[in-house]
Amino acid sequence: MDTEIDPAEISVWIQQLRRGQAEGIEEAWSRFFSKLVQIAGSRTRRFPGSTIDAEDIVASVFESAWRASKEGRLASIRNCDELWWWLLKITDFKTTDHVRRATKKTSGGKVAHVSVDDQILALISRDPDPQFWAVLDEEFARGLALLGDETLKQIAVMKLEGYTNQEIEERTKLAPATVTRKLRIIRNIWAKEMI
C-alpha cells in the first residue's frame, strides 16, 4: 500500500514538466494515462465498429503536453490537480475531434476535407458536450466524497474556485499553517485515490 505522497516529490516532477524535461512528462504519463484512456474510451464506445482507439487519443494528448511543455506553455500549471484538469480538457478536445472526423468519413473510407482553420474554429467555438460535464461532475463529487470531513470539503471547493490560501484563511477563520496542512491532506487523498 502507498505511503503518504510526498508533496516535495510531486513538486519536483511538476517543475520538470514546466521546464520541458522528459522526467516530468514520464511521471505525468504514469499517473494519468490509464484514467484518461478510460474517459476517452467511454466516449468512443458510442461508435461501434469505428477505428477510434482511446489509447491512441491519449497518446496524442501526451504528445501535445510534451510539445506544450517544451514550448513553455505549461508554466502556469502549479500542481497535480491543475495538470489533471488540463489533461482532461485536452482529452475532451481530441476525443471530440477524432469522433467528428470518424463521422465525416466518406463511402470511400477517406476523411472529408476539413481545413485546419475549420478544425480550430470547431474546437474553440463549441461548448463542451454533456458527457464532458458529466465526467467533471462525477470526478468532482467523487473527490469531495473521498475527503469526508466538511472542513476539508469547504477548503477544496474554495481552492478549486480559485481562492488564495490567504482568502481561505480569512473565510474559514483558520490559521495559515492549518490551511496549508489541510490542503496537503486533500492533495494526498486525491493523489492516492483519484489518479
N, C-alpha and C. Protein backbone atom coordinates (compact mmCIF):
# COMPACT_ATOMS: atom_id res chain seq x y z
N MET A 1 0.84 -1.19 0.00
CA MET A 1 0.00 0.00 0.00
C MET A 1 0.88 1.24 0.00
N ASP A 2 0.48 2.27 -0.75
CA ASP A 2 1.24 3.50 -0.81
C ASP A 2 1.29 4.19 0.53
N THR A 3 2.45 4.74 0.84
CA THR A 3 2.53 5.62 2.00
C THR A 3 2.09 7.01 1.53
N GLU A 4 2.07 7.96 2.45
CA GLU A 4 1.63 9.31 2.10
C GLU A 4 2.48 9.87 0.96
N ILE A 5 1.81 10.49 -0.01
CA ILE A 5 2.52 11.07 -1.15
C ILE A 5 3.32 12.27 -0.66
N ASP A 6 4.58 12.32 -1.02
CA ASP A 6 5.45 13.41 -0.61
C ASP A 6 5.21 14.62 -1.51
N PRO A 7 4.70 15.75 -0.94
CA PRO A 7 4.44 16.94 -1.76
C PRO A 7 5.70 17.43 -2.46
N ALA A 8 6.87 17.25 -1.83
CA ALA A 8 8.12 17.69 -2.46
C ALA A 8 8.39 16.88 -3.73
N GLU A 9 8.06 15.59 -3.71
CA GLU A 9 8.25 14.73 -4.88
C GLU A 9 7.35 15.20 -6.03
N ILE A 10 6.09 15.50 -5.71
CA ILE A 10 5.16 15.99 -6.73
C ILE A 10 5.67 17.31 -7.28
N SER A 11 6.11 18.18 -6.39
CA SER A 11 6.62 19.49 -6.81
C SER A 11 7.79 19.35 -7.78
N VAL A 12 8.66 18.38 -7.53
CA VAL A 12 9.83 18.18 -8.39
C VAL A 12 9.40 17.82 -9.81
N TRP A 13 8.51 16.84 -9.97
CA TRP A 13 8.17 16.44 -11.33
C TRP A 13 7.26 17.44 -12.02
N ILE A 14 6.47 18.19 -11.27
CA ILE A 14 5.67 19.27 -11.89
C ILE A 14 6.64 20.33 -12.42
N GLN A 15 7.67 20.66 -11.63
CA GLN A 15 8.68 21.63 -12.10
C GLN A 15 9.39 21.10 -13.34
N GLN A 16 9.71 19.81 -13.36
CA GLN A 16 10.36 19.22 -14.53
C GLN A 16 9.46 19.35 -15.76
N LEU A 17 8.18 19.08 -15.57
CA LEU A 17 7.23 19.20 -16.67
C LEU A 17 7.16 20.65 -17.16
N ARG A 18 7.09 21.59 -16.25
CA ARG A 18 7.01 23.00 -16.63
C ARG A 18 8.25 23.45 -17.40
N ARG A 19 9.40 22.83 -17.10
CA ARG A 19 10.65 23.20 -17.78
C ARG A 19 10.92 22.38 -19.03
N GLY A 20 9.99 21.49 -19.39
CA GLY A 20 10.17 20.70 -20.61
C GLY A 20 11.11 19.54 -20.47
N GLN A 21 11.27 19.02 -19.24
CA GLN A 21 12.16 17.88 -19.02
C GLN A 21 11.38 16.57 -19.15
N ALA A 22 12.01 15.59 -19.75
CA ALA A 22 11.36 14.31 -20.04
C ALA A 22 10.85 13.62 -18.78
N GLU A 23 11.57 13.75 -17.66
CA GLU A 23 11.16 13.09 -16.42
C GLU A 23 9.76 13.54 -15.98
N GLY A 24 9.45 14.80 -16.21
CA GLY A 24 8.14 15.32 -15.82
C GLY A 24 7.01 14.70 -16.63
N ILE A 25 7.20 14.60 -17.95
CA ILE A 25 6.15 14.03 -18.80
C ILE A 25 6.02 12.53 -18.54
N GLU A 26 7.13 11.85 -18.25
CA GLU A 26 7.08 10.42 -17.93
C GLU A 26 6.28 10.17 -16.66
N GLU A 27 6.48 11.00 -15.66
CA GLU A 27 5.74 10.86 -14.40
C GLU A 27 4.26 11.15 -14.62
N ALA A 28 3.95 12.19 -15.41
CA ALA A 28 2.55 12.52 -15.72
C ALA A 28 1.90 11.34 -16.45
N TRP A 29 2.63 10.74 -17.39
CA TRP A 29 2.12 9.58 -18.13
C TRP A 29 1.77 8.45 -17.16
N SER A 30 2.69 8.13 -16.25
CA SER A 30 2.46 7.01 -15.35
C SER A 30 1.29 7.26 -14.40
N ARG A 31 1.04 8.50 -14.06
CA ARG A 31 -0.05 8.82 -13.13
C ARG A 31 -1.41 8.94 -13.82
N PHE A 32 -1.44 9.45 -15.05
CA PHE A 32 -2.71 9.84 -15.65
C PHE A 32 -3.15 9.03 -16.87
N PHE A 33 -2.25 8.32 -17.53
CA PHE A 33 -2.57 7.68 -18.80
C PHE A 33 -3.79 6.76 -18.71
N SER A 34 -3.78 5.81 -17.78
CA SER A 34 -4.86 4.82 -17.69
C SER A 34 -6.21 5.47 -17.45
N LYS A 35 -6.25 6.43 -16.56
CA LYS A 35 -7.52 7.09 -16.24
C LYS A 35 -8.05 7.86 -17.46
N LEU A 36 -7.17 8.52 -18.19
CA LEU A 36 -7.60 9.26 -19.38
C LEU A 36 -8.07 8.30 -20.48
N VAL A 37 -7.44 7.13 -20.58
CA VAL A 37 -7.88 6.13 -21.56
C VAL A 37 -9.31 5.68 -21.23
N GLN A 38 -9.60 5.49 -19.95
CA GLN A 38 -10.96 5.10 -19.54
C GLN A 38 -11.98 6.17 -19.95
N ILE A 39 -11.62 7.43 -19.72
CA ILE A 39 -12.54 8.53 -20.04
C ILE A 39 -12.74 8.63 -21.55
N ALA A 40 -11.65 8.61 -22.31
CA ALA A 40 -11.77 8.68 -23.77
C ALA A 40 -12.53 7.46 -24.29
N GLY A 41 -12.26 6.29 -23.72
CA GLY A 41 -12.92 5.06 -24.14
C GLY A 41 -14.42 5.09 -23.90
N SER A 42 -14.85 5.74 -22.82
CA SER A 42 -16.28 5.80 -22.54
C SER A 42 -17.02 6.60 -23.61
N ARG A 43 -16.32 7.51 -24.26
CA ARG A 43 -16.94 8.29 -25.33
C ARG A 43 -16.83 7.59 -26.68
N THR A 44 -15.70 6.95 -26.95
CA THR A 44 -15.52 6.33 -28.27
C THR A 44 -16.34 5.05 -28.41
N ARG A 45 -16.70 4.41 -27.31
CA ARG A 45 -17.51 3.18 -27.37
C ARG A 45 -18.89 3.44 -27.95
N ARG A 46 -19.30 4.69 -27.99
CA ARG A 46 -20.61 5.01 -28.57
C ARG A 46 -20.61 4.87 -30.08
N PHE A 47 -19.46 4.59 -30.68
CA PHE A 47 -19.33 4.47 -32.12
C PHE A 47 -18.83 3.08 -32.47
N PRO A 48 -19.70 2.06 -32.33
CA PRO A 48 -19.26 0.69 -32.59
C PRO A 48 -18.77 0.52 -34.03
N GLY A 49 -17.72 -0.25 -34.16
CA GLY A 49 -17.18 -0.52 -35.47
C GLY A 49 -16.25 0.58 -35.98
N SER A 50 -16.12 1.67 -35.22
CA SER A 50 -15.22 2.73 -35.68
C SER A 50 -13.78 2.34 -35.38
N THR A 51 -12.86 3.04 -35.99
CA THR A 51 -11.44 2.75 -35.80
C THR A 51 -10.82 3.65 -34.73
N ILE A 52 -11.67 4.32 -33.96
CA ILE A 52 -11.15 5.23 -32.94
C ILE A 52 -10.62 4.41 -31.77
N ASP A 53 -9.37 4.66 -31.40
CA ASP A 53 -8.75 3.94 -30.31
C ASP A 53 -8.43 4.92 -29.19
N ALA A 54 -8.99 4.66 -28.01
CA ALA A 54 -8.80 5.58 -26.87
C ALA A 54 -7.33 5.73 -26.51
N GLU A 55 -6.56 4.65 -26.59
CA GLU A 55 -5.13 4.74 -26.25
C GLU A 55 -4.39 5.65 -27.22
N ASP A 56 -4.76 5.60 -28.51
CA ASP A 56 -4.14 6.50 -29.49
C ASP A 56 -4.48 7.95 -29.19
N ILE A 57 -5.72 8.19 -28.79
CA ILE A 57 -6.14 9.56 -28.46
C ILE A 57 -5.32 10.09 -27.29
N VAL A 58 -5.19 9.28 -26.25
CA VAL A 58 -4.47 9.74 -25.06
C VAL A 58 -2.97 9.86 -25.33
N ALA A 59 -2.44 8.98 -26.18
CA ALA A 59 -1.03 9.15 -26.59
C ALA A 59 -0.85 10.49 -27.29
N SER A 60 -1.83 10.87 -28.09
CA SER A 60 -1.80 12.17 -28.77
C SER A 60 -1.90 13.32 -27.76
N VAL A 61 -2.67 13.12 -26.71
CA VAL A 61 -2.77 14.13 -25.64
C VAL A 61 -1.40 14.35 -25.02
N PHE A 62 -0.69 13.26 -24.76
CA PHE A 62 0.63 13.40 -24.15
C PHE A 62 1.66 13.96 -25.12
N GLU A 63 1.50 13.69 -26.41
CA GLU A 63 2.37 14.34 -27.39
C GLU A 63 2.16 15.85 -27.34
N SER A 64 0.90 16.28 -27.26
CA SER A 64 0.58 17.71 -27.15
C SER A 64 1.13 18.30 -25.85
N ALA A 65 1.00 17.53 -24.77
CA ALA A 65 1.52 18.00 -23.48
C ALA A 65 3.04 18.15 -23.53
N TRP A 66 3.70 17.21 -24.20
CA TRP A 66 5.16 17.28 -24.32
C TRP A 66 5.57 18.51 -25.12
N ARG A 67 4.87 18.77 -26.25
CA ARG A 67 5.17 19.96 -27.05
C ARG A 67 4.92 21.23 -26.23
N ALA A 68 3.79 21.27 -25.54
CA ALA A 68 3.45 22.45 -24.73
C ALA A 68 4.50 22.65 -23.64
N SER A 69 4.95 21.56 -23.05
CA SER A 69 5.97 21.63 -22.01
C SER A 69 7.27 22.20 -22.56
N LYS A 70 7.70 21.67 -23.72
CA LYS A 70 8.96 22.13 -24.33
C LYS A 70 8.89 23.58 -24.77
N GLU A 71 7.67 24.05 -25.12
CA GLU A 71 7.50 25.44 -25.56
C GLU A 71 7.18 26.38 -24.40
N GLY A 72 7.18 25.87 -23.18
CA GLY A 72 6.94 26.72 -22.01
C GLY A 72 5.49 27.08 -21.79
N ARG A 73 4.57 26.37 -22.45
CA ARG A 73 3.15 26.72 -22.31
C ARG A 73 2.48 26.07 -21.10
N LEU A 74 3.23 25.32 -20.31
CA LEU A 74 2.66 24.74 -19.09
C LEU A 74 3.19 25.44 -17.84
N ALA A 75 3.77 26.61 -18.03
CA ALA A 75 4.36 27.34 -16.91
C ALA A 75 3.33 27.71 -15.84
N SER A 76 2.07 27.82 -16.23
CA SER A 76 1.05 28.21 -15.25
C SER A 76 0.54 27.03 -14.42
N ILE A 77 0.90 25.80 -14.80
CA ILE A 77 0.49 24.62 -14.03
C ILE A 77 1.29 24.60 -12.73
N ARG A 78 0.57 24.66 -11.60
CA ARG A 78 1.26 24.73 -10.31
C ARG A 78 1.25 23.43 -9.53
N ASN A 79 0.30 22.55 -9.84
CA ASN A 79 0.23 21.33 -9.04
C ASN A 79 -0.43 20.20 -9.85
N CYS A 80 -0.50 19.05 -9.21
CA CYS A 80 -1.02 17.84 -9.84
C CYS A 80 -2.49 18.01 -10.25
N ASP A 81 -3.28 18.68 -9.42
CA ASP A 81 -4.70 18.87 -9.72
C ASP A 81 -4.89 19.70 -10.99
N GLU A 82 -4.15 20.78 -11.11
CA GLU A 82 -4.26 21.64 -12.29
C GLU A 82 -3.84 20.89 -13.55
N LEU A 83 -2.79 20.08 -13.43
CA LEU A 83 -2.35 19.29 -14.58
C LEU A 83 -3.43 18.29 -14.98
N TRP A 84 -4.06 17.64 -14.00
CA TRP A 84 -5.12 16.68 -14.28
C TRP A 84 -6.25 17.34 -15.06
N TRP A 85 -6.71 18.51 -14.62
CA TRP A 85 -7.83 19.17 -15.29
C TRP A 85 -7.43 19.62 -16.69
N TRP A 86 -6.17 20.05 -16.86
CA TRP A 86 -5.69 20.47 -18.18
C TRP A 86 -5.68 19.26 -19.12
N LEU A 87 -5.15 18.13 -18.64
CA LEU A 87 -5.11 16.92 -19.46
C LEU A 87 -6.52 16.42 -19.79
N LEU A 88 -7.43 16.53 -18.84
CA LEU A 88 -8.81 16.11 -19.07
C LEU A 88 -9.45 16.96 -20.17
N LYS A 89 -9.20 18.24 -20.16
CA LYS A 89 -9.76 19.14 -21.18
C LYS A 89 -9.18 18.81 -22.55
N ILE A 90 -7.87 18.61 -22.64
CA ILE A 90 -7.24 18.27 -23.92
C ILE A 90 -7.77 16.92 -24.42
N THR A 91 -7.97 15.98 -23.51
CA THR A 91 -8.55 14.68 -23.89
C THR A 91 -9.94 14.87 -24.47
N ASP A 92 -10.74 15.74 -23.86
CA ASP A 92 -12.07 16.02 -24.38
C ASP A 92 -11.98 16.59 -25.80
N PHE A 93 -11.10 17.57 -26.01
CA PHE A 93 -10.95 18.17 -27.34
C PHE A 93 -10.55 17.13 -28.38
N LYS A 94 -9.54 16.33 -28.03
CA LYS A 94 -9.02 15.37 -29.01
C LYS A 94 -10.03 14.25 -29.28
N THR A 95 -10.74 13.81 -28.25
CA THR A 95 -11.75 12.77 -28.46
C THR A 95 -12.85 13.30 -29.36
N THR A 96 -13.30 14.52 -29.09
CA THR A 96 -14.34 15.14 -29.92
C THR A 96 -13.87 15.27 -31.35
N ASP A 97 -12.62 15.68 -31.55
CA ASP A 97 -12.08 15.83 -32.89
C ASP A 97 -12.02 14.48 -33.61
N HIS A 98 -11.55 13.43 -32.94
CA HIS A 98 -11.49 12.10 -33.55
C HIS A 98 -12.88 11.59 -33.91
N VAL A 99 -13.83 11.78 -33.00
CA VAL A 99 -15.20 11.33 -33.27
C VAL A 99 -15.79 12.11 -34.44
N ARG A 100 -15.56 13.41 -34.47
CA ARG A 100 -16.08 14.24 -35.56
C ARG A 100 -15.51 13.80 -36.90
N ARG A 101 -14.20 13.53 -36.94
CA ARG A 101 -13.59 13.09 -38.19
C ARG A 101 -14.09 11.71 -38.60
N ALA A 102 -14.29 10.83 -37.62
CA ALA A 102 -14.77 9.48 -37.93
C ALA A 102 -16.19 9.52 -38.49
N THR A 103 -17.00 10.45 -38.03
CA THR A 103 -18.38 10.52 -38.51
C THR A 103 -18.47 11.24 -39.86
N LYS A 104 -17.38 11.87 -40.29
CA LYS A 104 -17.38 12.55 -41.59
C LYS A 104 -16.75 11.70 -42.69
N LYS A 105 -16.49 10.44 -42.38
CA LYS A 105 -15.86 9.57 -43.40
C LYS A 105 -16.80 9.40 -44.59
N THR A 106 -16.20 9.42 -45.74
CA THR A 106 -16.99 9.21 -46.96
C THR A 106 -17.11 7.72 -47.23
N SER A 107 -17.89 7.37 -48.21
CA SER A 107 -18.08 5.95 -48.53
C SER A 107 -16.77 5.31 -48.98
N GLY A 108 -15.84 6.10 -49.50
CA GLY A 108 -14.55 5.56 -49.93
C GLY A 108 -13.58 5.35 -48.79
N GLY A 109 -13.99 5.69 -47.57
CA GLY A 109 -13.12 5.48 -46.41
C GLY A 109 -12.15 6.62 -46.17
N LYS A 110 -12.28 7.71 -46.91
CA LYS A 110 -11.39 8.85 -46.70
C LYS A 110 -12.10 9.90 -45.87
N VAL A 111 -11.32 10.57 -45.07
CA VAL A 111 -11.89 11.63 -44.24
C VAL A 111 -12.21 12.81 -45.14
N ALA A 112 -13.41 13.34 -45.00
CA ALA A 112 -13.79 14.52 -45.79
C ALA A 112 -12.86 15.67 -45.44
N HIS A 113 -12.54 16.48 -46.45
CA HIS A 113 -11.60 17.58 -46.23
C HIS A 113 -12.21 18.64 -45.29
N VAL A 114 -11.48 18.92 -44.24
CA VAL A 114 -11.85 20.00 -43.33
C VAL A 114 -10.57 20.79 -43.11
N SER A 115 -10.61 22.09 -43.34
CA SER A 115 -9.40 22.89 -43.21
C SER A 115 -8.98 22.99 -41.75
N VAL A 116 -7.70 23.28 -41.54
CA VAL A 116 -7.20 23.45 -40.19
C VAL A 116 -7.94 24.58 -39.49
N ASP A 117 -8.22 25.67 -40.22
CA ASP A 117 -8.96 26.79 -39.62
C ASP A 117 -10.34 26.33 -39.15
N ASP A 118 -11.01 25.48 -39.94
CA ASP A 118 -12.32 24.97 -39.55
C ASP A 118 -12.21 24.10 -38.30
N GLN A 119 -11.14 23.29 -38.22
CA GLN A 119 -10.95 22.45 -37.05
C GLN A 119 -10.73 23.28 -35.80
N ILE A 120 -9.87 24.29 -35.91
CA ILE A 120 -9.60 25.15 -34.76
C ILE A 120 -10.86 25.88 -34.34
N LEU A 121 -11.59 26.41 -35.32
CA LEU A 121 -12.84 27.11 -35.02
C LEU A 121 -13.83 26.17 -34.32
N ALA A 122 -13.91 24.93 -34.77
CA ALA A 122 -14.83 23.97 -34.15
C ALA A 122 -14.45 23.69 -32.70
N LEU A 123 -13.14 23.63 -32.44
CA LEU A 123 -12.69 23.35 -31.08
C LEU A 123 -12.92 24.51 -30.14
N ILE A 124 -12.64 25.73 -30.60
CA ILE A 124 -12.73 26.86 -29.67
C ILE A 124 -14.12 27.46 -29.59
N SER A 125 -14.98 27.17 -30.57
CA SER A 125 -16.28 27.82 -30.55
C SER A 125 -17.38 26.94 -29.97
N ARG A 126 -17.14 25.64 -29.83
CA ARG A 126 -18.20 24.77 -29.35
C ARG A 126 -18.20 24.72 -27.83
N ASP A 127 -19.36 24.48 -27.28
CA ASP A 127 -19.46 24.23 -25.85
C ASP A 127 -19.09 22.78 -25.60
N PRO A 128 -18.49 22.49 -24.45
CA PRO A 128 -18.21 21.09 -24.15
C PRO A 128 -19.52 20.30 -24.14
N ASP A 129 -19.44 19.05 -24.58
CA ASP A 129 -20.66 18.24 -24.64
C ASP A 129 -21.10 17.80 -23.24
N PRO A 130 -22.35 17.37 -23.11
CA PRO A 130 -22.87 16.97 -21.81
C PRO A 130 -22.06 15.85 -21.15
N GLN A 131 -21.50 14.95 -21.95
CA GLN A 131 -20.69 13.86 -21.39
C GLN A 131 -19.47 14.41 -20.66
N PHE A 132 -18.84 15.44 -21.25
CA PHE A 132 -17.67 16.04 -20.60
C PHE A 132 -18.05 16.60 -19.24
N TRP A 133 -19.17 17.34 -19.19
CA TRP A 133 -19.61 17.93 -17.92
C TRP A 133 -19.99 16.83 -16.94
N ALA A 134 -20.57 15.75 -17.43
CA ALA A 134 -20.94 14.64 -16.56
C ALA A 134 -19.70 14.02 -15.92
N VAL A 135 -18.64 13.86 -16.72
CA VAL A 135 -17.38 13.31 -16.20
C VAL A 135 -16.81 14.25 -15.15
N LEU A 136 -16.81 15.55 -15.43
CA LEU A 136 -16.29 16.51 -14.46
C LEU A 136 -17.10 16.48 -13.17
N ASP A 137 -18.43 16.47 -13.30
CA ASP A 137 -19.29 16.42 -12.12
C ASP A 137 -19.04 15.16 -11.30
N GLU A 138 -18.91 14.03 -12.01
CA GLU A 138 -18.65 12.75 -11.34
C GLU A 138 -17.32 12.79 -10.58
N GLU A 139 -16.28 13.27 -11.25
CA GLU A 139 -14.96 13.34 -10.63
C GLU A 139 -14.97 14.30 -9.43
N PHE A 140 -15.67 15.43 -9.58
CA PHE A 140 -15.74 16.41 -8.50
C PHE A 140 -16.47 15.82 -7.30
N ALA A 141 -17.62 15.18 -7.54
CA ALA A 141 -18.39 14.58 -6.44
C ALA A 141 -17.59 13.47 -5.76
N ARG A 142 -16.91 12.66 -6.57
CA ARG A 142 -16.10 11.58 -6.01
C ARG A 142 -14.96 12.13 -5.17
N GLY A 143 -14.33 13.19 -5.68
CA GLY A 143 -13.23 13.81 -4.94
C GLY A 143 -13.69 14.36 -3.60
N LEU A 144 -14.84 15.02 -3.57
CA LEU A 144 -15.35 15.56 -2.32
C LEU A 144 -15.74 14.43 -1.36
N ALA A 145 -16.36 13.38 -1.89
CA ALA A 145 -16.77 12.26 -1.04
C ALA A 145 -15.56 11.60 -0.36
N LEU A 146 -14.44 11.55 -1.07
CA LEU A 146 -13.23 10.95 -0.50
C LEU A 146 -12.71 11.73 0.70
N LEU A 147 -13.00 13.03 0.74
CA LEU A 147 -12.47 13.87 1.80
C LEU A 147 -13.17 13.63 3.14
N GLY A 148 -14.47 13.32 3.08
CA GLY A 148 -15.20 13.03 4.30
C GLY A 148 -15.45 14.26 5.17
N ASP A 149 -14.43 14.84 5.72
CA ASP A 149 -14.52 15.98 6.63
C ASP A 149 -15.07 17.22 5.93
N GLU A 150 -16.05 17.87 6.57
CA GLU A 150 -16.68 19.05 5.96
C GLU A 150 -15.71 20.21 5.77
N THR A 151 -14.78 20.39 6.69
CA THR A 151 -13.79 21.48 6.56
C THR A 151 -12.90 21.23 5.35
N LEU A 152 -12.47 19.97 5.17
CA LEU A 152 -11.65 19.64 4.00
C LEU A 152 -12.43 19.90 2.72
N LYS A 153 -13.70 19.52 2.70
CA LYS A 153 -14.54 19.76 1.51
C LYS A 153 -14.64 21.25 1.22
N GLN A 154 -14.90 22.05 2.26
CA GLN A 154 -15.04 23.50 2.10
C GLN A 154 -13.75 24.11 1.53
N ILE A 155 -12.62 23.70 2.07
CA ILE A 155 -11.33 24.22 1.61
C ILE A 155 -11.06 23.78 0.17
N ALA A 156 -11.36 22.52 -0.15
CA ALA A 156 -11.15 22.01 -1.51
C ALA A 156 -11.97 22.80 -2.52
N VAL A 157 -13.24 23.05 -2.20
CA VAL A 157 -14.11 23.80 -3.11
C VAL A 157 -13.57 25.21 -3.31
N MET A 158 -13.18 25.86 -2.23
CA MET A 158 -12.66 27.23 -2.36
C MET A 158 -11.38 27.25 -3.20
N LYS A 159 -10.51 26.28 -2.98
CA LYS A 159 -9.26 26.24 -3.75
C LYS A 159 -9.55 26.02 -5.23
N LEU A 160 -10.47 25.11 -5.55
CA LEU A 160 -10.83 24.86 -6.95
C LEU A 160 -11.52 26.05 -7.58
N GLU A 161 -12.18 26.87 -6.76
CA GLU A 161 -12.81 28.09 -7.27
C GLU A 161 -11.81 29.22 -7.45
N GLY A 162 -10.55 28.99 -7.06
CA GLY A 162 -9.50 29.97 -7.31
C GLY A 162 -9.13 30.86 -6.14
N TYR A 163 -9.67 30.58 -4.95
CA TYR A 163 -9.30 31.38 -3.79
C TYR A 163 -7.85 31.14 -3.41
N THR A 164 -7.18 32.19 -2.96
CA THR A 164 -5.80 32.04 -2.48
C THR A 164 -5.85 31.45 -1.08
N ASN A 165 -4.69 30.99 -0.59
CA ASN A 165 -4.63 30.46 0.77
C ASN A 165 -5.06 31.52 1.78
N GLN A 166 -4.62 32.75 1.56
CA GLN A 166 -4.96 33.83 2.49
C GLN A 166 -6.48 34.07 2.51
N GLU A 167 -7.12 34.03 1.35
CA GLU A 167 -8.57 34.21 1.30
C GLU A 167 -9.29 33.05 2.00
N ILE A 168 -8.75 31.85 1.85
CA ILE A 168 -9.33 30.69 2.54
C ILE A 168 -9.19 30.86 4.04
N GLU A 169 -8.02 31.31 4.49
CA GLU A 169 -7.80 31.55 5.92
C GLU A 169 -8.82 32.55 6.46
N GLU A 170 -9.03 33.64 5.72
CA GLU A 170 -9.97 34.67 6.17
C GLU A 170 -11.40 34.15 6.23
N ARG A 171 -11.81 33.39 5.24
CA ARG A 171 -13.19 32.90 5.18
C ARG A 171 -13.47 31.78 6.18
N THR A 172 -12.47 30.95 6.44
CA THR A 172 -12.69 29.81 7.35
C THR A 172 -12.26 30.13 8.78
N LYS A 173 -11.56 31.25 8.96
CA LYS A 173 -11.03 31.64 10.28
C LYS A 173 -10.03 30.62 10.82
N LEU A 174 -9.31 29.97 9.89
CA LEU A 174 -8.29 29.01 10.28
C LEU A 174 -6.91 29.65 10.17
N ALA A 175 -5.98 29.16 10.95
CA ALA A 175 -4.60 29.65 10.92
C ALA A 175 -3.94 29.26 9.60
N PRO A 176 -2.97 30.06 9.13
CA PRO A 176 -2.28 29.75 7.88
C PRO A 176 -1.69 28.33 7.85
N ALA A 177 -1.08 27.91 8.95
CA ALA A 177 -0.48 26.56 8.99
C ALA A 177 -1.56 25.49 8.88
N THR A 178 -2.73 25.74 9.44
CA THR A 178 -3.83 24.77 9.38
C THR A 178 -4.33 24.63 7.95
N VAL A 179 -4.50 25.76 7.26
CA VAL A 179 -4.96 25.71 5.86
C VAL A 179 -3.94 24.97 5.01
N THR A 180 -2.66 25.28 5.19
CA THR A 180 -1.60 24.61 4.44
C THR A 180 -1.62 23.11 4.69
N ARG A 181 -1.77 22.72 5.95
CA ARG A 181 -1.80 21.30 6.31
C ARG A 181 -3.02 20.61 5.71
N LYS A 182 -4.17 21.25 5.76
CA LYS A 182 -5.39 20.65 5.21
C LYS A 182 -5.32 20.53 3.69
N LEU A 183 -4.71 21.51 3.02
CA LEU A 183 -4.52 21.42 1.57
C LEU A 183 -3.60 20.25 1.23
N ARG A 184 -2.59 20.04 2.05
CA ARG A 184 -1.68 18.90 1.84
C ARG A 184 -2.44 17.59 2.02
N ILE A 185 -3.30 17.52 3.01
CA ILE A 185 -4.11 16.31 3.24
C ILE A 185 -5.00 16.05 2.02
N ILE A 186 -5.65 17.10 1.52
CA ILE A 186 -6.53 16.98 0.35
C ILE A 186 -5.74 16.45 -0.84
N ARG A 187 -4.59 17.04 -1.12
CA ARG A 187 -3.78 16.60 -2.26
C ARG A 187 -3.33 15.16 -2.11
N ASN A 188 -2.96 14.78 -0.90
CA ASN A 188 -2.53 13.39 -0.66
C ASN A 188 -3.66 12.41 -0.89
N ILE A 189 -4.85 12.73 -0.38
CA ILE A 189 -6.01 11.85 -0.58
C ILE A 189 -6.30 11.73 -2.06
N TRP A 190 -6.35 12.85 -2.76
CA TRP A 190 -6.69 12.81 -4.19
C TRP A 190 -5.60 12.12 -5.00
N ALA A 191 -4.34 12.34 -4.65
CA ALA A 191 -3.25 11.70 -5.41
C ALA A 191 -3.31 10.19 -5.26
N LYS A 192 -3.69 9.70 -4.09
CA LYS A 192 -3.75 8.25 -3.86
C LYS A 192 -5.00 7.62 -4.46
N GLU A 193 -6.12 8.31 -4.34
CA GLU A 193 -7.41 7.68 -4.65
C GLU A 193 -8.00 8.02 -6.01
N MET A 194 -7.61 9.16 -6.58
CA MET A 194 -8.28 9.60 -7.81
C MET A 194 -7.45 9.41 -9.05
N ILE A 195 -6.15 9.33 -8.92
CA ILE A 195 -5.32 9.35 -10.13
C ILE A 195 -4.48 8.10 -10.19
